[in-house]
Amino acid sequence: MTPRSTSGRAAAADRLARADRSRTFPPLPTRSGARGLFAESWWGSAWLDALETTALDSARLARGRTYARDGHVDTINVTPGRIVATVRGSRPRPYSAEIRLRTLTDQEWDGLLDAIAADPDRLTALLAKTLPPALADSEVRLLPGPGDLVPRCSCPDHGRPCKHAAALCFQVARLLDADPFVLLLMRGRGERELLDALSLRNTALTARETREAREVRHHAPTDGRTAAYRRGTGAGHGEEPPAARSAHGSPTATGDAPGEQPAAAEVSSRGIPARAALADRPRPPLPPPLPVPPQPGRPPALPDGDGLPFDPATLEFLAADAAARAHACLSAATPGPGGGRTALHSPFPDLPAWEDAIRLTATAHPTAGLTATTRALYRDLAEASGRTPTDVARAVAAWRQGGPEGLALLDTPWNPPAGDFDRARSALLAADLPSLRPRHNHLTDPDRGIQLRYGHDLRWYPYESEPGADDWWPAGPADPDPVGALSTLVAR
């Protein structure tokens, strides 16, 4: 084994350990009712008891319960000693609420794991997502007591806890109801880590018991050999039992005396071949895929924070774009055999950095005008790309008009076939519309400040400018009919 492969395994194990010590839960559905429904288990009630004994203002608890019931708590992240979530209040930006809890020491974990390994029923209860009372009441205290929960929040309210932190506590009680391993994670260890440690303890316990049994047999008296053997009762006096005979009718080669057979502790159970254990066996068919939702989802709003290595608004923007792209890919897939979906080429081809930046900017607020937010976005993109904010705004308008083709027509003329172009000019004259001068793929009336551009997608893109100026801007949607495109432009 090379050092490189060893380090790779160690890095992979480290990644798995870190992942095991962090769990993220999506926003819980809204729930009606009061305190009882927030804690359906006795350990969930104990969690809320610790919250209520810590609270200094019952009114804040009541508002926090209302926030939790109405679904104001977004995604919850649980790591050792820390629970974090964003909670939406009365302001546009949500607040970051946090609950801290002391983790157990290594010595306390050893005692807790020994207590679980000593009683298999406790491990069985944990695997069934139930917290055994005997385990919670052991020498190592798992559930928090008065003052153990330390709330924090980014809101200006200095209550202990504020309504946002209280709402987070109420939702955590629901997580504990569903899985007590969440409580063990708060105390410092992940579920996989705990099960691996218990497996090692059980293996060591089995090895120790086997060794002790062998020592007992080794030191047992040999005259009657009662500790290791027992007399066969199914044969006659001085006769071997059938199980001890070989195929030729002689005693077996194990050295056992006639009329005696190994004790049950020494008879090893037969297993099954690995090939049979790993062989393919019939499995039920997969359920059909869920239907594609009519619209892509929107990510939760992130709170503002100081010293963050990223801009929360930018992260929200990228998350929304990823959801929109995934929705478009699923919508473009066709149903395949068995109810699955046959993948097609992505509706989002790879784009150069400038075009993709314009796509992102154009789809961030597809119906927004020049607001303060969009102006700031244009300035940032212009600075990053070495262009002007006007260039960015014009490119965004072109993308909204026709996507990649609209952006290509903004700066790149081309020579279309004469037939299509001539038929378009004749159709415009027949409709009694203004006469336009052709140049490349453009039909222009500079005195009126109107222009049509013919795209490779066989559509006409209307443009407008101040009369006499050469400052053309996309104006309206593209149209396969030049008469329709110019009529809309003239009507403006």
Protein backbone atom coordinates (compact mmCIF):
# COMPACT_ATOMS: atom_id res chain seq x y z
CA MET A 1 0.00 0.00 0.00
CA THR A 2 1.49 3.33 -1.00
CA PRO A 3 1.46 6.38 1.31
CA ARG A 4 -0.65 8.21 -1.26
CA SER A 5 -3.45 5.62 -1.13
CA THR A 6 -3.30 5.62 2.66
CA SER A 7 -3.65 9.38 2.80
CA GLY A 8 -6.53 9.19 0.31
CA ARG A 9 -8.39 6.73 2.50
CA ALA A 10 -7.74 8.91 5.54
CA ALA A 11 -9.08 11.97 3.72
CA ALA A 12 -12.19 10.06 2.63
CA ALA A 13 -12.75 8.84 6.19
CA ASP A 14 -12.33 12.39 7.46
CA ARG A 15 -14.93 13.66 4.98
CA LEU A 16 -17.38 10.95 6.05
CA ALA A 17 -16.83 11.81 9.71
CA ARG A 18 -17.45 15.51 9.08
CA ALA A 19 -20.60 14.71 7.08
CA ASP A 20 -21.83 12.44 9.88
CA ARG A 21 -21.48 15.28 12.37
CA SER A 22 -23.65 17.69 10.40
CA ARG A 23 -27.31 17.17 9.51
CA THR A 24 -29.52 19.61 7.63
CA PHE A 25 -33.31 19.43 7.80
CA PRO A 26 -35.65 21.18 5.33
CA PRO A 27 -38.33 23.52 6.66
CA LEU A 28 -40.93 21.57 8.61
CA PRO A 29 -44.56 21.83 7.50
CA THR A 30 -46.90 24.13 9.35
CA ARG A 31 -48.69 22.63 12.32
CA SER A 32 -51.76 23.71 14.22
CA GLY A 33 -52.16 23.33 17.96
CA ALA A 34 -50.30 24.38 21.05
CA ARG A 35 -47.39 22.96 23.04
CA GLY A 36 -48.53 19.35 23.16
CA LEU A 37 -48.33 18.86 19.41
CA PHE A 38 -44.81 20.29 19.31
CA ALA A 39 -43.60 17.52 21.63
CA GLU A 40 -45.26 14.17 21.04
CA SER A 41 -42.52 12.17 22.79
CA TRP A 42 -41.46 12.32 26.42
CA TRP A 43 -37.93 13.37 25.43
CA GLY A 44 -39.32 16.12 23.21
CA SER A 45 -41.35 17.36 26.18
CA ALA A 46 -38.19 17.30 28.31
CA TRP A 47 -36.48 19.48 25.69
CA LEU A 48 -39.29 22.03 25.86
CA ASP A 49 -39.23 21.90 29.66
CA ALA A 50 -35.60 23.00 29.54
CA LEU A 51 -36.60 25.86 27.23
CA GLU A 52 -39.45 27.02 29.45
CA THR A 53 -37.41 26.92 32.64
CA THR A 54 -34.76 29.05 30.90
CA ALA A 55 -37.17 31.61 29.41
CA LEU A 56 -37.55 34.94 31.18
CA ASP A 57 -40.67 36.04 29.30
CA SER A 58 -43.59 33.72 28.62
CA ALA A 59 -44.96 36.15 26.01
CA ARG A 60 -41.88 35.64 23.86
CA LEU A 61 -42.36 31.88 24.14
CA ALA A 62 -45.95 32.23 22.96
CA ARG A 63 -44.85 34.29 19.94
CA GLY A 64 -42.08 31.79 19.19
CA ARG A 65 -44.62 28.94 19.30
CA THR A 66 -46.78 30.89 16.83
CA TYR A 67 -43.78 31.46 14.53
CA ALA A 68 -42.96 27.75 14.61
CA ARG A 69 -46.58 26.71 14.03
CA ASP A 70 -46.91 29.08 11.04
CA GLY A 71 -43.72 27.83 9.36
CA HIS A 72 -41.43 30.83 9.90
CA VAL A 73 -38.41 28.60 10.62
CA ASP A 74 -36.45 27.72 7.49
CA THR A 75 -33.75 25.07 7.03
CA ILE A 76 -32.26 23.78 10.30
CA ASN A 77 -28.64 22.67 10.61
CA VAL A 78 -27.52 20.54 13.57
CA THR A 79 -23.86 20.07 14.48
CA PRO A 80 -22.22 19.09 17.78
CA GLY A 81 -23.18 21.68 20.37
CA ARG A 82 -24.93 24.00 17.90
CA ILE A 83 -28.30 24.32 16.12
CA VAL A 84 -28.71 27.08 13.54
CA ALA A 85 -31.66 28.19 11.39
CA THR A 86 -32.97 31.28 9.68
CA VAL A 87 -36.26 32.54 11.05
CA ARG A 88 -38.46 34.93 9.10
CA GLY A 89 -39.82 37.80 11.14
CA SER A 90 -41.51 41.05 10.26
CA ARG A 91 -38.59 42.39 8.20
CA PRO A 92 -37.68 41.35 4.62
CA ARG A 93 -34.42 39.74 5.68
CA PRO A 94 -34.72 36.76 8.06
CA TYR A 95 -32.75 36.50 11.28
CA SER A 96 -30.15 33.89 12.14
CA ALA A 97 -31.21 32.05 15.31
CA GLU A 98 -28.91 29.70 17.19
CA ILE A 99 -29.12 27.31 20.15
CA ARG A 100 -25.97 26.08 21.87
CA LEU A 101 -25.69 22.99 24.09
CA ARG A 102 -22.67 21.51 25.88
CA THR A 103 -21.13 18.45 24.21
CA LEU A 104 -20.15 15.38 26.21
CA THR A 105 -16.53 14.67 27.10
CA ASP A 106 -14.75 11.56 25.82
CA GLN A 107 -15.05 10.01 29.28
CA GLU A 108 -18.80 10.65 29.31
CA TRP A 109 -19.13 9.13 25.84
CA ASP A 110 -17.29 6.01 26.99
CA GLY A 111 -19.71 5.63 29.88
CA LEU A 112 -22.73 6.19 27.64
CA LEU A 113 -21.55 3.70 25.01
CA ASP A 114 -20.82 1.11 27.70
CA ALA A 115 -24.34 1.58 29.05
CA ILE A 116 -25.84 1.01 25.58
CA ALA A 117 -23.63 -2.00 24.81
CA ALA A 118 -24.46 -3.63 28.16
CA ASP A 119 -28.16 -3.81 27.32
CA PRO A 120 -29.12 -4.78 23.73
CA ASP A 121 -32.66 -3.49 24.33
CA ARG A 122 -31.31 0.05 24.54
CA LEU A 123 -29.67 -0.17 21.14
CA THR A 124 -32.81 -1.76 19.71
CA ALA A 125 -34.87 1.15 21.04
CA LEU A 126 -32.49 3.73 19.54
CA LEU A 127 -32.59 2.03 16.16
CA ALA A 128 -36.39 2.17 16.40
CA LYS A 129 -36.05 5.96 16.90
CA THR A 130 -37.02 5.80 20.58
CA LEU A 131 -35.00 7.14 23.51
CA PRO A 132 -35.01 4.60 26.38
CA PRO A 133 -35.77 6.29 29.73
CA ALA A 134 -33.11 4.15 31.44
CA LEU A 135 -30.50 5.54 29.06
CA ALA A 136 -31.60 9.15 29.52
CA ASP A 137 -31.58 8.71 33.34
CA SER A 138 -28.12 7.12 33.46
CA GLU A 139 -25.07 8.76 34.99
CA VAL A 140 -24.45 10.65 31.75
CA ARG A 141 -27.22 13.21 31.32
CA LEU A 142 -28.36 13.38 27.71
CA LEU A 143 -31.35 15.72 27.90
CA PRO A 144 -30.76 19.38 28.70
CA GLY A 145 -31.70 20.77 32.08
CA PRO A 146 -32.48 24.29 33.29
CA GLY A 147 -29.99 26.74 31.85
CA ASP A 148 -28.34 24.23 29.47
CA LEU A 149 -29.85 25.75 26.32
CA VAL A 150 -28.04 28.95 25.32
CA PRO A 151 -30.04 30.93 22.71
CA ARG A 152 -28.59 33.53 20.35
CA CYS A 153 -30.11 35.57 17.51
CA SER A 154 -29.14 38.33 15.10
CA CYS A 155 -32.34 40.29 15.84
CA PRO A 156 -32.23 43.47 17.99
CA ASP A 157 -34.33 41.83 20.72
CA HIS A 158 -32.15 40.91 23.71
CA GLY A 159 -34.72 38.56 25.26
CA ARG A 160 -33.51 35.20 26.50
CA PRO A 161 -34.72 33.61 24.34
CA CYS A 162 -36.20 35.94 21.73
CA LYS A 163 -39.18 34.74 19.74
CA HIS A 164 -36.96 33.64 16.85
CA ALA A 165 -34.74 31.41 19.01
CA ALA A 166 -37.85 30.11 20.80
CA ALA A 167 -39.41 29.19 17.45
CA LEU A 168 -36.26 27.27 16.58
CA CYS A 169 -36.46 25.37 19.89
CA PHE A 170 -40.05 24.36 19.22
CA GLN A 171 -39.14 23.01 15.80
CA VAL A 172 -36.15 21.12 17.21
CA ALA A 173 -38.57 19.34 19.56
CA ARG A 174 -40.30 17.98 16.45
CA LEU A 175 -36.96 16.78 15.08
CA LEU A 176 -36.24 15.00 18.37
CA ASP A 177 -39.66 13.34 18.24
CA ALA A 178 -38.78 11.80 14.89
CA ASP A 179 -35.16 10.85 15.63
CA PRO A 180 -33.43 10.84 19.04
CA PHE A 181 -30.08 10.49 17.25
CA VAL A 182 -30.43 14.26 16.67
CA LEU A 183 -30.01 14.72 20.43
CA LEU A 184 -26.89 12.52 20.40
CA LEU A 185 -25.52 14.62 17.53
CA MET A 186 -26.09 17.78 19.57
CA ARG A 187 -24.10 16.13 22.34
CA GLY A 188 -21.16 15.53 20.00
CA ARG A 189 -21.39 12.28 18.01
CA GLY A 190 -23.09 11.37 14.71
CA GLU A 191 -25.28 8.32 14.19
CA ARG A 192 -22.82 6.41 11.98
CA GLU A 193 -20.01 7.17 14.38
CA LEU A 194 -22.04 5.87 17.33
CA LEU A 195 -23.07 2.66 15.60
CA ASP A 196 -19.48 1.96 14.55
CA ALA A 197 -18.26 2.49 18.12
CA LEU A 198 -20.98 0.18 19.47
CA SER A 199 -20.05 -2.46 16.88
CA LEU A 200 -16.43 -2.37 18.06
CA ARG A 201 -17.54 -2.68 21.68
CA ASN A 202 -19.77 -5.65 20.89
CA THR A 203 -16.94 -7.33 18.98
CA ALA A 204 -14.55 -6.83 21.88
CA LEU A 205 -17.15 -8.10 24.34
CA THR A 206 -17.76 -11.25 22.26
CA ALA A 207 -14.02 -11.90 21.96
CA ARG A 208 -13.55 -11.51 25.70
CA GLU A 209 -16.39 -13.88 26.51
CA THR A 210 -15.03 -16.47 24.05
CA ARG A 211 -11.57 -16.21 25.57
CA GLU A 212 -12.93 -16.63 29.09
CA ALA A 213 -14.95 -19.70 28.01
CA ARG A 214 -11.85 -21.29 26.53
CA GLU A 215 -9.89 -20.64 29.70
CA VAL A 216 -12.64 -22.30 31.74
CA ARG A 217 -12.55 -25.38 29.50
CA HIS A 218 -8.75 -25.48 29.61
CA HIS A 219 -8.63 -25.52 33.42
CA ALA A 220 -11.58 -27.89 33.84
CA PRO A 221 -10.93 -31.46 35.26
CA THR A 222 -10.21 -34.03 32.53
CA ASP A 223 -11.32 -37.27 34.23
CA GLY A 224 -15.02 -36.85 33.62
CA ARG A 225 -14.60 -34.00 31.11
CA THR A 226 -17.96 -32.68 32.21
CA ALA A 227 -16.97 -29.08 31.43
CA ALA A 228 -16.35 -29.68 27.75
CA TYR A 229 -18.27 -32.78 26.83
CA ARG A 230 -21.48 -34.50 27.64
CA ARG A 231 -22.41 -38.16 27.28
CA GLY A 232 -24.50 -39.20 24.30
CA THR A 233 -27.84 -40.59 25.34
CA GLY A 234 -29.15 -41.92 22.07
CA ALA A 235 -26.74 -44.92 21.74
CA GLY A 236 -26.36 -48.11 23.65
CA HIS A 237 -23.75 -48.79 26.31
CA GLY A 238 -20.26 -48.39 24.87
CA GLU A 239 -21.69 -47.57 21.42
CA GLU A 240 -20.84 -44.48 19.40
CA PRO A 241 -23.65 -42.09 18.57
CA PRO A 242 -24.38 -41.97 14.83
CA ALA A 243 -23.24 -38.36 14.56
CA ALA A 244 -19.72 -39.38 15.61
CA ARG A 245 -19.29 -42.04 12.97
CA SER A 246 -17.54 -41.49 9.68
CA ALA A 247 -18.78 -42.67 6.34
CA HIS A 248 -16.97 -45.99 6.91
CA GLY A 249 -18.54 -46.54 10.29
CA SER A 250 -15.40 -45.62 12.28
CA PRO A 251 -15.09 -42.83 14.86
CA THR A 252 -14.48 -39.37 13.49
CA ALA A 253 -11.00 -37.97 13.23
CA THR A 254 -11.57 -35.28 15.79
CA GLY A 255 -10.23 -37.35 18.62
CA ASP A 256 -13.53 -37.56 20.47
CA ALA A 257 -13.99 -40.65 22.57
CA PRO A 258 -16.70 -43.11 21.60
CA GLY A 259 -20.03 -42.36 23.15
CA GLU A 260 -19.20 -38.65 23.62
CA GLN A 261 -20.07 -35.60 21.48
CA PRO A 262 -18.91 -31.94 21.60
CA ALA A 263 -20.81 -29.54 23.79
CA ALA A 264 -23.19 -27.10 22.13
CA ALA A 265 -20.78 -24.22 22.73
CA GLU A 266 -18.20 -25.89 20.46
CA VAL A 267 -20.53 -26.67 17.58
CA SER A 268 -20.12 -23.85 15.04
CA SER A 269 -23.15 -22.92 12.99
CA ARG A 270 -22.84 -23.34 9.27
CA GLY A 271 -23.04 -20.21 7.13
CA ILE A 272 -23.97 -19.76 3.48
CA PRO A 273 -21.59 -19.21 0.56
CA ALA A 274 -20.83 -15.57 -0.20
CA ARG A 275 -21.99 -16.13 -3.79
CA ALA A 276 -25.45 -17.08 -2.54
CA ALA A 277 -25.58 -14.14 -0.12
CA LEU A 278 -24.62 -11.64 -2.83
CA ALA A 279 -26.66 -13.16 -5.66
CA ASP A 280 -29.24 -11.06 -7.42
CA ARG A 281 -32.75 -11.62 -6.21
CA PRO A 282 -36.09 -10.24 -7.40
CA ARG A 283 -36.78 -6.72 -6.23
CA PRO A 284 -40.01 -4.74 -6.54
CA PRO A 285 -40.10 -2.14 -9.30
CA LEU A 286 -39.27 1.44 -8.46
CA PRO A 287 -42.23 3.76 -7.95
CA PRO A 288 -43.00 6.15 -10.81
CA PRO A 289 -41.24 9.54 -10.63
CA LEU A 290 -43.08 12.44 -9.10
CA PRO A 291 -44.68 14.88 -11.55
CA VAL A 292 -42.69 17.97 -12.43
CA PRO A 293 -44.07 21.00 -10.54
CA PRO A 294 -45.56 23.75 -12.70
CA GLN A 295 -42.99 26.30 -11.53
CA PRO A 296 -39.48 25.99 -10.04
CA GLY A 297 -39.22 26.62 -6.32
CA ARG A 298 -37.67 29.67 -4.76
CA PRO A 299 -34.83 29.35 -2.22
CA PRO A 300 -35.29 30.78 1.27
CA ALA A 301 -34.05 34.30 1.89
CA LEU A 302 -30.73 34.37 3.71
CA PRO A 303 -30.00 36.76 6.58
CA ASP A 304 -27.48 39.56 6.29
CA GLY A 305 -24.26 39.03 8.19
CA ASP A 306 -20.95 40.74 8.79
CA GLY A 307 -17.70 39.13 7.72
CA LEU A 308 -19.29 36.51 5.47
CA PRO A 309 -17.08 35.22 2.62
CA PHE A 310 -19.99 35.63 0.18
CA ASP A 311 -22.87 37.94 -0.58
CA PRO A 312 -26.19 36.41 0.64
CA ALA A 313 -28.13 38.02 -2.22
CA THR A 314 -25.73 36.49 -4.77
CA LEU A 315 -26.07 33.05 -3.21
CA GLU A 316 -29.89 33.32 -3.29
CA PHE A 317 -29.64 34.38 -6.91
CA LEU A 318 -27.47 31.40 -7.91
CA ALA A 319 -29.71 28.98 -5.99
CA ALA A 320 -32.79 30.29 -7.81
CA ASP A 321 -31.02 29.91 -11.16
CA ALA A 322 -30.00 26.32 -10.32
CA ALA A 323 -33.62 25.50 -9.46
CA ALA A 324 -34.86 27.05 -12.71
CA ARG A 325 -32.31 25.10 -14.77
CA ALA A 326 -33.17 21.83 -13.04
CA HIS A 327 -36.88 22.46 -13.63
CA ALA A 328 -36.25 23.13 -17.32
CA CYS A 329 -34.19 19.95 -17.68
CA LEU A 330 -36.92 17.85 -16.03
CA SER A 331 -39.61 19.49 -18.15
CA ALA A 332 -37.64 18.73 -21.33
CA ALA A 333 -37.21 15.04 -20.45
CA THR A 334 -39.68 12.67 -22.07
CA PRO A 335 -41.38 9.75 -20.29
CA GLY A 336 -39.50 6.53 -20.92
CA PRO A 337 -40.31 2.85 -20.46
CA GLY A 338 -41.40 1.88 -16.97
CA GLY A 339 -42.55 5.38 -16.11
CA GLY A 340 -39.03 6.84 -15.99
CA ARG A 341 -37.72 9.77 -17.99
CA THR A 342 -35.42 9.70 -20.97
CA ALA A 343 -32.73 12.34 -20.65
CA LEU A 344 -32.32 14.82 -23.50
CA HIS A 345 -29.65 17.34 -24.26
CA SER A 346 -29.61 20.11 -21.67
CA PRO A 347 -31.74 23.12 -22.63
CA PHE A 348 -28.88 25.21 -21.24
CA PRO A 349 -25.86 24.82 -23.55
CA ASP A 350 -22.44 25.88 -22.36
CA LEU A 351 -22.01 29.62 -22.80
CA PRO A 352 -19.01 31.94 -22.70
CA ALA A 353 -18.55 33.79 -19.43
CA TRP A 354 -19.97 37.08 -20.76
CA GLU A 355 -23.09 35.47 -22.24
CA ASP A 356 -23.74 33.41 -19.11
CA ALA A 357 -23.34 36.50 -16.92
CA ILE A 358 -25.90 38.33 -19.08
CA ARG A 359 -28.23 35.32 -18.88
CA LEU A 360 -28.01 35.30 -15.09
CA THR A 361 -28.56 39.04 -14.88
CA ALA A 362 -31.52 38.95 -17.27
CA THR A 363 -33.24 36.13 -15.41
CA ALA A 364 -32.62 37.49 -11.91
CA HIS A 365 -35.53 39.91 -12.15
CA PRO A 366 -37.13 39.22 -15.55
CA THR A 367 -39.80 41.91 -15.24
CA ALA A 368 -37.92 44.51 -13.21
CA GLY A 369 -37.00 47.91 -14.60
CA LEU A 370 -33.99 49.99 -13.65
CA THR A 371 -34.38 49.78 -9.90
CA ALA A 372 -31.62 50.52 -7.42
CA THR A 373 -30.94 46.78 -7.16
CA THR A 374 -30.60 46.25 -10.90
CA ARG A 375 -28.41 49.35 -11.28
CA ALA A 376 -26.05 48.00 -8.63
CA LEU A 377 -26.03 44.63 -10.39
CA TYR A 378 -25.23 46.27 -13.73
CA ARG A 379 -22.39 48.29 -12.18
CA ASP A 380 -20.84 45.19 -10.59
CA LEU A 381 -21.03 43.21 -13.82
CA ALA A 382 -19.64 46.10 -15.86
CA GLU A 383 -16.70 46.43 -13.50
CA ALA A 384 -16.00 42.69 -13.62
CA SER A 385 -16.24 42.46 -17.42
CA GLY A 386 -14.49 45.70 -18.39
CA ARG A 387 -17.61 47.18 -20.00
CA THR A 388 -19.94 50.03 -19.20
CA PRO A 389 -23.24 49.76 -17.31
CA THR A 390 -24.98 50.89 -20.52
CA ASP A 391 -23.46 47.97 -22.42
CA VAL A 392 -24.69 45.61 -19.71
CA ALA A 393 -28.20 47.07 -19.72
CA ARG A 394 -28.41 46.86 -23.54
CA ALA A 395 -27.19 43.24 -23.51
CA VAL A 396 -29.72 42.32 -20.80
CA ALA A 397 -32.51 43.81 -22.91
CA ALA A 398 -31.30 41.79 -25.93
CA TRP A 399 -31.26 38.56 -23.92
CA ARG A 400 -34.77 39.15 -22.64
CA GLN A 401 -35.85 39.80 -26.20
CA GLY A 402 -34.49 36.60 -27.74
CA GLY A 403 -32.06 34.71 -25.51
CA PRO A 404 -28.71 33.75 -27.09
CA GLU A 405 -29.87 34.71 -30.59
CA GLY A 406 -31.06 38.10 -29.38
CA LEU A 407 -27.68 38.74 -27.75
CA ALA A 408 -25.82 37.64 -30.89
CA LEU A 409 -27.84 40.04 -33.06
CA LEU A 410 -26.91 42.94 -30.79
CA ASP A 411 -23.35 43.24 -32.10
CA THR A 412 -22.96 40.76 -34.97
CA PRO A 413 -24.63 41.43 -38.35
CA TRP A 414 -24.88 38.70 -40.98
CA ASN A 415 -26.08 38.31 -44.59
CA PRO A 416 -29.36 36.38 -44.79
CA PRO A 417 -30.67 34.71 -47.96
CA ALA A 418 -32.07 37.23 -50.43
CA GLY A 419 -35.43 35.49 -50.84
CA ASP A 420 -36.54 35.79 -47.24
CA PHE A 421 -35.37 39.38 -47.04
CA ASP A 422 -37.08 40.45 -50.26
CA ARG A 423 -40.36 38.82 -49.28
CA ALA A 424 -40.26 40.66 -45.96
CA ARG A 425 -39.76 44.04 -47.65
CA SER A 426 -42.64 43.34 -50.02
CA ALA A 427 -44.90 42.37 -47.11
CA LEU A 428 -44.08 45.61 -45.27
CA LEU A 429 -44.87 47.73 -48.34
CA ALA A 430 -48.12 45.85 -48.91
CA ALA A 431 -49.14 46.58 -45.32
CA ASP A 432 -48.57 50.30 -45.90
CA LEU A 433 -45.81 50.41 -43.30
CA PRO A 434 -42.77 52.69 -43.50
CA SER A 435 -40.19 51.85 -46.12
CA LEU A 436 -36.98 50.49 -44.56
CA ARG A 437 -33.49 50.46 -46.06
CA PRO A 438 -31.73 47.06 -46.08
CA ARG A 439 -28.18 46.54 -44.87
CA HIS A 440 -26.93 43.08 -43.94
CA ASN A 441 -29.73 41.60 -41.82
CA HIS A 442 -31.07 45.05 -40.81
CA LEU A 443 -34.07 46.96 -42.18
CA THR A 444 -33.77 50.55 -40.94
CA ASP A 445 -35.58 53.90 -41.04
CA PRO A 446 -33.07 56.22 -39.28
CA ASP A 447 -35.33 59.26 -39.52
CA ARG A 448 -38.06 57.52 -37.53
CA GLY A 449 -35.57 55.67 -35.29
CA ILE A 450 -36.98 52.19 -36.06
CA GLN A 451 -35.23 49.03 -37.17
CA LEU A 452 -35.85 45.32 -37.71
CA ARG A 453 -33.09 42.73 -37.38
CA TYR A 454 -33.45 39.29 -38.96
CA GLY A 455 -32.14 36.43 -36.86
CA HIS A 456 -30.81 32.98 -37.65
CA ASP A 457 -33.94 31.62 -35.97
CA LEU A 458 -36.04 33.19 -38.80
CA ARG A 459 -37.56 35.79 -36.47
CA TRP A 460 -37.59 39.58 -36.70
CA TYR A 461 -36.25 41.58 -33.75
CA PRO A 462 -37.52 45.17 -33.38
CA TYR A 463 -35.06 47.92 -32.34
CA GLU A 464 -35.53 51.63 -31.72
CA SER A 465 -33.29 54.67 -31.35
CA GLU A 466 -33.55 58.40 -31.01
CA PRO A 467 -34.26 59.79 -34.54
CA GLY A 468 -31.01 60.57 -36.30
CA ALA A 469 -28.88 58.84 -33.64
CA ASP A 470 -27.13 55.51 -33.98
CA ASP A 471 -27.97 54.22 -30.50
CA TRP A 472 -30.13 51.15 -31.05
CA TRP A 473 -31.92 49.30 -28.24
CA PRO A 474 -34.07 46.14 -28.35
CA ALA A 475 -37.72 47.14 -28.25
CA GLY A 476 -40.32 44.43 -27.83
CA PRO A 477 -40.47 40.71 -28.46
CA ALA A 478 -39.24 38.97 -31.60
CA ASP A 479 -41.84 37.92 -34.18
CA PRO A 480 -41.63 35.51 -37.14
CA ASP A 481 -43.85 37.96 -39.07
CA PRO A 482 -42.05 41.21 -40.06
CA VAL A 483 -45.39 43.03 -40.36
CA GLY A 484 -46.29 42.11 -36.76
CA ALA A 485 -42.87 43.10 -35.45
CA LEU A 486 -42.87 46.49 -37.24
CA SER A 487 -46.51 47.23 -36.36
CA THR A 488 -45.72 46.81 -32.68
CA LEU A 489 -42.68 49.07 -33.06
CA VAL A 490 -44.58 51.81 -34.92
CA ALA A 491 -47.37 51.71 -32.33
CA ARG A 492 -44.87 52.56 -29.59
